[in-house]
Amino acid sequence: MKYVGSKSRVSKYILHLMLPYRGNRPWVEPFVGGGNMIDKVEGKRIGYDNNIYAIEALKLIRDNVESLPKNKNETSESFYNEIKKSNDYAIGLKGYYGFSLSFGGKFFGGWRRDKQGKRDYINEAYRNALKQSKKIQGVHFETKNYYDIELSEPSLIYCDPPYKGTYNYNIYFDYHLFYDWCRSMKSLRHIVFISEYDSPFNCIWEKDYCSSLDLNTGGKHNKEKLFII
C-alpha cells in the first residue's frame, strides 16, 4: 500500500542483512505502515501500528481486496473529497483512499494525478493491492502503540519509526522513550533492527536516496540507514 516513508525501495538491500538473524523467530513490525516490508517475508508475521486507518486498510486489502475501486470509472476525486470529510465510511476504506489514492502516500495529501491526465492511478493502486493481498495472507495486524506490544516468544523486531525532522502527521514522537524501549526488547532476547537517518545504535548499512512530498519542488537527498541493537 502506498505510504509515506515506505521501505519498498530499500527492502532488497536490508532484508538480506536482517533475515540471517531471524531463524524461526516471528517477524514483528511495531510501525508496519503500508505493509511494504512485512509483505516481503514469510512465516509468522505480526504488524502493529498506532494509525488505525493504516491497519484497517491493510486488513481490507488482505481480506476483501475485490471490494476496492478497480479503475477511474469506479471512483472519482469528488468521492475522494467526500470520504475525506465524512465519518460515515468504513475505516479501512477511508484508509485506503487516504493513503493509496493520495499523492506520495501522504494521508489525504491530495488526489493522485499526472499533468496529462493519462495515468489511471486507481487501477495502479488496485493492481498493487491485488499483489499485496496475496503476500499478506496470514499476517496478524493490530492497532497498538509500540510500547504496548507484548510478545510471548523471542522475535525479530523491525522498527521503522517516524524519522526525525520529517512528515509525521503532526504527532509528537519521543525518541528517547523509543530508544529505551528498544533496549528493553533487546534485554528480553529479541533481535531489534531500526531504519532511521540517525540513532545511538550500531549502523550496519546506509545508502543515499532522493525523496520529496512536494509536486513543485525538487527531491530531498537523505542517507537511509539500518541499525542493529
C-alpha atoms as a PDB file:
ATOM      1  CA  MET A   1       0.000   0.000   0.000  1.00  0.00           C
ATOM      2  CA  LYS A   2       1.237   3.464  -0.863  1.00  0.00           C
ATOM      3  CA  TYR A   3       2.548   5.060   2.322  1.00  0.00           C
ATOM      4  CA  VAL A   4       4.802   7.914   3.404  1.00  0.00           C
ATOM      5  CA  GLY A   5       8.284   6.582   4.155  1.00  0.00           C
ATOM      6  CA  SER A   6       7.674   3.196   2.536  1.00  0.00           C
ATOM      7  CA  LYS A   7      10.725   0.945   2.578  1.00  0.00           C
ATOM      8  CA  SER A   8       9.813  -0.838  -0.650  1.00  0.00           C
ATOM      9  CA  ARG A   9      12.730   0.820  -2.455  1.00  0.00           C
ATOM     10  CA  VAL A  10      15.343  -0.326   0.045  1.00  0.00           C
ATOM     11  CA  SER A  11      13.845  -3.655   1.111  1.00  0.00           C
ATOM     12  CA  LYS A  12      16.103  -5.655  -1.187  1.00  0.00           C
ATOM     13  CA  TYR A  13      19.172  -4.108   0.435  1.00  0.00           C
ATOM     14  CA  ILE A  14      18.227  -4.525   4.084  1.00  0.00           C
ATOM     15  CA  LEU A  15      16.219  -7.748   4.152  1.00  0.00           C
ATOM     16  CA  HIS A  16      19.224  -9.891   3.292  1.00  0.00           C
ATOM     17  CA  LEU A  17      21.033  -8.302   6.256  1.00  0.00           C
ATOM     18  CA  MET A  18      18.224  -8.973   8.725  1.00  0.00           C
ATOM     19  CA  LEU A  19      16.884 -12.368   7.703  1.00  0.00           C
ATOM     20  CA  PRO A  20      20.017 -14.362   8.678  1.00  0.00           C
ATOM     21  CA  TYR A  21      19.383 -13.246  12.284  1.00  0.00           C
ATOM     22  CA  ARG A  22      15.804 -14.444  12.247  1.00  0.00           C
ATOM     23  CA  GLY A  23      15.920 -18.233  12.349  1.00  0.00           C
ATOM     24  CA  ASN A  24      12.434 -19.417  13.379  1.00  0.00           C
ATOM     25  CA  ARG A  25      11.569 -16.213  15.199  1.00  0.00           C
ATOM     26  CA  PRO A  26       8.333 -14.371  14.459  1.00  0.00           C
ATOM     27  CA  TRP A  27       8.770 -11.246  12.342  1.00  0.00           C
ATOM     28  CA  VAL A  28       7.308  -8.279  14.236  1.00  0.00           C
ATOM     29  CA  GLU A  29       6.854  -4.711  12.985  1.00  0.00           C
ATOM     30  CA  PRO A  30       5.724  -2.112  15.553  1.00  0.00           C
ATOM     31  CA  PHE A  31       5.417   0.533  12.766  1.00  0.00           C
ATOM     32  CA  VAL A  32       4.049  -1.557   9.912  1.00  0.00           C
ATOM     33  CA  GLY A  33       2.748   1.454   7.952  1.00  0.00           C
ATOM     34  CA  GLY A  34       1.709   0.354   4.469  1.00  0.00           C
ATOM     35  CA  GLY A  35       2.993  -3.185   4.956  1.00  0.00           C
ATOM     36  CA  ASN A  36       5.706  -2.815   2.344  1.00  0.00           C
ATOM     37  CA  MET A  37       8.312  -4.747   4.326  1.00  0.00           C
ATOM     38  CA  ILE A  38       6.174  -7.332   6.075  1.00  0.00           C
ATOM     39  CA  ASP A  39       4.760  -8.435   2.711  1.00  0.00           C
ATOM     40  CA  LYS A  40       8.249  -9.495   1.622  1.00  0.00           C
ATOM     41  CA  VAL A  41       8.939 -12.031   4.372  1.00  0.00           C
ATOM     42  CA  GLU A  42       7.310 -15.339   5.203  1.00  0.00           C
ATOM     43  CA  GLY A  43       6.429 -17.339   8.300  1.00  0.00           C
ATOM     44  CA  LYS A  44       4.778 -15.929  11.392  1.00  0.00           C
ATOM     45  CA  ARG A  45       4.322 -12.182  10.965  1.00  0.00           C
ATOM     46  CA  ILE A  46       2.725  -9.560  13.186  1.00  0.00           C
ATOM     47  CA  GLY A  47       2.203  -5.960  12.136  1.00  0.00           C
ATOM     48  CA  TYR A  48       1.325  -3.225  14.613  1.00  0.00           C
ATOM     49  CA  ASP A  49       0.728   0.473  14.102  1.00  0.00           C
ATOM     50  CA  ASN A  50      -0.981   3.188  16.113  1.00  0.00           C
ATOM     51  CA  ASN A  51      -2.579   4.504  12.905  1.00  0.00           C
ATOM     52  CA  ILE A  52      -5.960   2.764  12.760  1.00  0.00           C
ATOM     53  CA  TYR A  53      -6.516   3.859   9.148  1.00  0.00           C
ATOM     54  CA  ALA A  54      -3.349   2.102   8.001  1.00  0.00           C
ATOM     55  CA  ILE A  55      -4.128  -1.081   9.928  1.00  0.00           C
ATOM     56  CA  GLU A  56      -7.747  -1.293   8.776  1.00  0.00           C
ATOM     57  CA  ALA A  57      -6.743  -0.574   5.170  1.00  0.00           C
ATOM     58  CA  LEU A  58      -4.266  -3.459   5.299  1.00  0.00           C
ATOM     59  CA  LYS A  59      -6.969  -5.738   6.696  1.00  0.00           C
ATOM     60  CA  LEU A  60      -9.260  -4.674   3.854  1.00  0.00           C
ATOM     61  CA  ILE A  61      -6.564  -5.416   1.289  1.00  0.00           C
ATOM     62  CA  ARG A  62      -5.890  -8.772   2.934  1.00  0.00           C
ATOM     63  CA  ASP A  63      -9.494  -9.909   3.347  1.00  0.00           C
ATOM     64  CA  ASN A  64     -11.634  -8.145   0.753  1.00  0.00           C
ATOM     65  CA  VAL A  65      -9.454  -6.643  -1.955  1.00  0.00           C
ATOM     66  CA  GLU A  66     -12.139  -7.236  -4.605  1.00  0.00           C
ATOM     67  CA  SER A  67     -14.303  -4.546  -2.978  1.00  0.00           C
ATOM     68  CA  LEU A  68     -11.818  -1.777  -3.825  1.00  0.00           C
ATOM     69  CA  PRO A  69     -12.301   0.530  -6.832  1.00  0.00           C
ATOM     70  CA  LYS A  70     -10.613  -1.056  -9.837  1.00  0.00           C
ATOM     71  CA  ASN A  71     -10.226   1.881 -12.224  1.00  0.00           C
ATOM     72  CA  LYS A  72     -11.065   5.562 -12.724  1.00  0.00           C
ATOM     73  CA  ASN A  73     -14.581   4.657 -13.850  1.00  0.00           C
ATOM     74  CA  GLU A  74     -15.403   3.288 -10.380  1.00  0.00           C
ATOM     75  CA  THR A  75     -14.472   6.321  -8.268  1.00  0.00           C
ATOM     76  CA  SER A  76     -13.597   9.990  -8.563  1.00  0.00           C
ATOM     77  CA  GLU A  77     -11.862  12.950  -6.979  1.00  0.00           C
ATOM     78  CA  SER A  78     -15.215  14.208  -5.692  1.00  0.00           C
ATOM     79  CA  PHE A  79     -15.780  10.943  -3.832  1.00  0.00           C
ATOM     80  CA  TYR A  80     -12.204  11.122  -2.523  1.00  0.00           C
ATOM     81  CA  ASN A  81     -13.020  14.550  -1.061  1.00  0.00           C
ATOM     82  CA  GLU A  82     -16.320  13.271   0.316  1.00  0.00           C
ATOM     83  CA  ILE A  83     -14.778  10.292   2.096  1.00  0.00           C
ATOM     84  CA  LYS A  84     -12.042  12.568   3.453  1.00  0.00           C
ATOM     85  CA  LYS A  85     -14.570  14.771   5.237  1.00  0.00           C
ATOM     86  CA  SER A  86     -17.071  12.119   6.304  1.00  0.00           C
ATOM     87  CA  ASN A  87     -17.023   9.596   9.147  1.00  0.00           C
ATOM     88  CA  ASP A  88     -19.821   7.559   7.572  1.00  0.00           C
ATOM     89  CA  TYR A  89     -17.482   5.216   5.693  1.00  0.00           C
ATOM     90  CA  ALA A  90     -15.637   2.151   6.950  1.00  0.00           C
ATOM     91  CA  ILE A  91     -12.260   2.983   8.471  1.00  0.00           C
ATOM     92  CA  GLY A  92     -10.449   0.580   6.164  1.00  0.00           C
ATOM     93  CA  LEU A  93     -11.937   2.120   3.029  1.00  0.00           C
ATOM     94  CA  LYS A  94     -11.139   5.614   4.258  1.00  0.00           C
ATOM     95  CA  GLY A  95      -7.597   4.481   4.989  1.00  0.00           C
ATOM     96  CA  TYR A  96      -7.206   3.002   1.522  1.00  0.00           C
ATOM     97  CA  TYR A  97      -8.401   6.209  -0.137  1.00  0.00           C
ATOM     98  CA  GLY A  98      -6.352   8.336   2.223  1.00  0.00           C
ATOM     99  CA  PHE A  99      -3.086   6.545   1.502  1.00  0.00           C
ATOM    100  CA  SER A 100      -3.242   4.641  -1.789  1.00  0.00           C
ATOM    101  CA  LEU A 101      -5.067   7.292  -3.806  1.00  0.00           C
ATOM    102  CA  SER A 102      -3.154  10.295  -2.432  1.00  0.00           C
ATOM    103  CA  PHE A 103      -0.007  11.903  -3.757  1.00  0.00           C
ATOM    104  CA  GLY A 104       3.085  10.328  -2.218  1.00  0.00           C
ATOM    105  CA  GLY A 105       1.045   8.145   0.128  1.00  0.00           C
ATOM    106  CA  LYS A 106       0.520  11.141   2.420  1.00  0.00           C
ATOM    107  CA  PHE A 107      -2.796  10.686   4.215  1.00  0.00           C
ATOM    108  CA  PHE A 108      -5.318  12.658   2.177  1.00  0.00           C
ATOM    109  CA  GLY A 109      -2.449  14.731   0.851  1.00  0.00           C
ATOM    110  CA  GLY A 110      -4.173  15.409  -2.460  1.00  0.00           C
ATOM    111  CA  TRP A 111      -5.790  13.343  -5.196  1.00  0.00           C
ATOM    112  CA  ARG A 112      -3.184  11.466  -7.257  1.00  0.00           C
ATOM    113  CA  ARG A 113      -2.967  12.765 -10.827  1.00  0.00           C
ATOM    114  CA  ASP A 114      -0.486  13.435 -13.585  1.00  0.00           C
ATOM    115  CA  LYS A 115      -0.380  16.668 -15.570  1.00  0.00           C
ATOM    116  CA  GLN A 116      -1.536  14.994 -18.776  1.00  0.00           C
ATOM    117  CA  GLY A 117      -4.364  13.111 -17.078  1.00  0.00           C
ATOM    118  CA  LYS A 118      -3.428   9.889 -18.857  1.00  0.00           C
ATOM    119  CA  ARG A 119      -2.485   7.589 -15.981  1.00  0.00           C
ATOM    120  CA  ASP A 120      -5.150   5.591 -14.193  1.00  0.00           C
ATOM    121  CA  TYR A 121      -3.818   5.765 -10.645  1.00  0.00           C
ATOM    122  CA  ILE A 122      -6.908   3.983  -9.316  1.00  0.00           C
ATOM    123  CA  ASN A 123      -6.123   0.949 -11.439  1.00  0.00           C
ATOM    124  CA  GLU A 124      -2.446   1.089 -10.482  1.00  0.00           C
ATOM    125  CA  ALA A 125      -3.379   1.161  -6.795  1.00  0.00           C
ATOM    126  CA  TYR A 126      -5.808  -1.720  -7.256  1.00  0.00           C
ATOM    127  CA  ARG A 127      -3.256  -3.877  -9.074  1.00  0.00           C
ATOM    128  CA  ASN A 128      -0.737  -3.192  -6.299  1.00  0.00           C
ATOM    129  CA  ALA A 129      -3.375  -4.109  -3.707  1.00  0.00           C
ATOM    130  CA  LEU A 130      -4.087  -7.374  -5.539  1.00  0.00           C
ATOM    131  CA  LYS A 131      -0.400  -8.296  -5.418  1.00  0.00           C
ATOM    132  CA  GLN A 132      -0.053  -7.310  -1.779  1.00  0.00           C
ATOM    133  CA  SER A 133      -3.210  -9.159  -0.754  1.00  0.00           C
ATOM    134  CA  LYS A 134      -1.641 -12.474  -1.730  1.00  0.00           C
ATOM    135  CA  LYS A 135       1.533 -11.658   0.187  1.00  0.00           C
ATOM    136  CA  ILE A 136      -0.103 -10.688   3.487  1.00  0.00           C
ATOM    137  CA  GLN A 137      -2.426 -13.631   3.918  1.00  0.00           C
ATOM    138  CA  GLY A 138      -1.984 -14.905   7.457  1.00  0.00           C
ATOM    139  CA  VAL A 139      -0.412 -11.692   8.763  1.00  0.00           C
ATOM    140  CA  HIS A 140      -1.877 -10.530  12.059  1.00  0.00           C
ATOM    141  CA  PHE A 141      -2.499  -6.769  12.014  1.00  0.00           C
ATOM    142  CA  GLU A 142      -3.376  -4.825  15.134  1.00  0.00           C
ATOM    143  CA  THR A 143      -3.756  -1.167  16.072  1.00  0.00           C
ATOM    144  CA  LYS A 144      -1.420  -0.639  19.001  1.00  0.00           C
ATOM    145  CA  ASN A 145       1.397   1.640  20.146  1.00  0.00           C
ATOM    146  CA  TYR A 146       4.828   0.050  20.074  1.00  0.00           C
ATOM    147  CA  TYR A 147       5.260   0.351  23.856  1.00  0.00           C
ATOM    148  CA  ASP A 148       2.063  -1.628  24.478  1.00  0.00           C
ATOM    149  CA  ILE A 149       3.196  -4.647  22.480  1.00  0.00           C
ATOM    150  CA  GLU A 150       3.519  -7.911  24.394  1.00  0.00           C
ATOM    151  CA  LEU A 151       5.463 -10.708  22.737  1.00  0.00           C
ATOM    152  CA  SER A 152       5.242 -14.270  24.011  1.00  0.00           C
ATOM    153  CA  GLU A 153       8.442 -15.517  22.355  1.00  0.00           C
ATOM    154  CA  PRO A 154      11.787 -14.133  21.206  1.00  0.00           C
ATOM    155  CA  SER A 155      11.185 -12.322  17.928  1.00  0.00           C
ATOM    156  CA  LEU A 156      12.927 -10.319  15.250  1.00  0.00           C
ATOM    157  CA  ILE A 157      11.602  -6.780  15.617  1.00  0.00           C
ATOM    158  CA  TYR A 158      11.983  -4.449  12.655  1.00  0.00           C
ATOM    159  CA  CYS A 159      11.245  -0.820  13.518  1.00  0.00           C
ATOM    160  CA  ASP A 160      10.533   1.910  11.006  1.00  0.00           C
ATOM    161  CA  PRO A 161       9.550   4.811  13.309  1.00  0.00           C
ATOM    162  CA  PRO A 162       8.777   8.381  12.219  1.00  0.00           C
ATOM    163  CA  TYR A 163      12.054   9.883  11.091  1.00  0.00           C
ATOM    164  CA  LYS A 164      13.402  12.937  12.866  1.00  0.00           C
ATOM    165  CA  GLY A 165      12.582  16.138  11.020  1.00  0.00           C
ATOM    166  CA  THR A 166      10.190  14.514   8.548  1.00  0.00           C
ATOM    167  CA  TYR A 167       6.435  14.386   7.972  1.00  0.00           C
ATOM    168  CA  ASN A 168       4.884  12.505  10.907  1.00  0.00           C
ATOM    169  CA  TYR A 169       1.209  13.516  10.933  1.00  0.00           C
ATOM    170  CA  ASN A 170       1.994  16.321  13.427  1.00  0.00           C
ATOM    171  CA  ILE A 171       2.240  13.799  16.247  1.00  0.00           C
ATOM    172  CA  TYR A 172       4.993  14.192  18.830  1.00  0.00           C
ATOM    173  CA  PHE A 173       7.287  11.192  18.919  1.00  0.00           C
ATOM    174  CA  ASP A 174       9.522  10.675  21.955  1.00  0.00           C
ATOM    175  CA  TYR A 175      12.742   9.204  20.552  1.00  0.00           C
ATOM    176  CA  HIS A 176      14.381   8.767  23.972  1.00  0.00           C
ATOM    177  CA  LEU A 177      11.418   6.693  25.130  1.00  0.00           C
ATOM    178  CA  PHE A 178      11.577   4.691  21.919  1.00  0.00           C
ATOM    179  CA  TYR A 179      15.314   4.004  22.269  1.00  0.00           C
ATOM    180  CA  ASP A 180      14.797   2.866  25.865  1.00  0.00           C
ATOM    181  CA  TRP A 181      12.032   0.538  24.682  1.00  0.00           C
ATOM    182  CA  CYS A 182      14.362  -0.917  22.046  1.00  0.00           C
ATOM    183  CA  ARG A 183      16.981  -1.610  24.692  1.00  0.00           C
ATOM    184  CA  SER A 184      14.373  -3.297  26.882  1.00  0.00           C
ATOM    185  CA  MET A 185      13.341  -5.526  23.958  1.00  0.00           C
ATOM    186  CA  LYS A 186      16.973  -6.466  23.451  1.00  0.00           C
ATOM    187  CA  SER A 187      17.237  -7.404  27.136  1.00  0.00           C
ATOM    188  CA  LEU A 188      14.242  -9.729  26.653  1.00  0.00           C
ATOM    189  CA  ARG A 189      16.183 -11.649  23.962  1.00  0.00           C
ATOM    190  CA  HIS A 190      14.505 -10.042  20.961  1.00  0.00           C
ATOM    191  CA  ILE A 191      16.625  -9.008  17.984  1.00  0.00           C
ATOM    192  CA  VAL A 192      15.948  -5.371  17.116  1.00  0.00           C
ATOM    193  CA  PHE A 193      16.629  -3.503  13.869  1.00  0.00           C
ATOM    194  CA  ILE A 194      15.799   0.139  13.208  1.00  0.00           C
ATOM    195  CA  SER A 195      15.525   2.096   9.969  1.00  0.00           C
ATOM    196  CA  GLU A 196      16.373   5.764  10.546  1.00  0.00           C
ATOM    197  CA  TYR A 197      18.643   8.596   9.458  1.00  0.00           C
ATOM    198  CA  ASP A 198      20.360   8.548  12.835  1.00  0.00           C
ATOM    199  CA  SER A 199      20.221   6.652  16.140  1.00  0.00           C
ATOM    200  CA  PRO A 200      22.538   5.778  19.059  1.00  0.00           C
ATOM    201  CA  PHE A 201      22.887   2.184  17.863  1.00  0.00           C
ATOM    202  CA  ASN A 202      25.219   0.350  15.511  1.00  0.00           C
ATOM    203  CA  CYS A 203      24.770   1.253  11.824  1.00  0.00           C
ATOM    204  CA  ILE A 204      25.220  -1.783   9.561  1.00  0.00           C
ATOM    205  CA  TRP A 205      24.056  -0.304   6.239  1.00  0.00           C
ATOM    206  CA  GLU A 206      23.498   3.072   4.600  1.00  0.00           C
ATOM    207  CA  LYS A 207      22.520   4.403   1.196  1.00  0.00           C
ATOM    208  CA  ASP A 208      21.826   7.836  -0.295  1.00  0.00           C
ATOM    209  CA  TYR A 209      18.432   8.356  -1.859  1.00  0.00           C
ATOM    210  CA  CYS A 210      16.190  11.165  -3.021  1.00  0.00           C
ATOM    211  CA  SER A 211      12.667  11.789  -1.728  1.00  0.00           C
ATOM    212  CA  SER A 212      10.021  14.501  -1.921  1.00  0.00           C
ATOM    213  CA  LEU A 213       6.416  15.008  -0.867  1.00  0.00           C
ATOM    214  CA  ASP A 214       6.029  18.207  -2.873  1.00  0.00           C
ATOM    215  CA  LEU A 215       4.913  18.160  -6.503  1.00  0.00           C
ATOM    216  CA  ASN A 216       6.506  21.546  -7.107  1.00  0.00           C
ATOM    217  CA  THR A 217       9.964  21.124  -5.589  1.00  0.00           C
ATOM    218  CA  GLY A 218      12.991  19.023  -6.301  1.00  0.00           C
ATOM    219  CA  GLY A 219      13.836  15.904  -4.363  1.00  0.00           C
ATOM    220  CA  LYS A 220      15.409  15.968  -0.934  1.00  0.00           C
ATOM    221  CA  HIS A 221      18.564  13.913  -0.501  1.00  0.00           C
ATOM    222  CA  ASN A 222      18.907  11.767   2.604  1.00  0.00           C
ATOM    223  CA  LYS A 223      21.045   8.893   3.805  1.00  0.00           C
ATOM    224  CA  GLU A 224      18.881   5.905   4.666  1.00  0.00           C
ATOM    225  CA  LYS A 225      20.443   3.741   7.394  1.00  0.00           C
ATOM    226  CA  LEU A 226      19.819   0.435   9.142  1.00  0.00           C
ATOM    227  CA  PHE A 227      20.812  -0.020  12.776  1.00  0.00           C
ATOM    228  CA  ILE A 228      21.026  -3.084  14.988  1.00  0.00           C
ATOM    229  CA  ILE A 229      20.970  -3.242  18.769  1.00  0.00           C
END
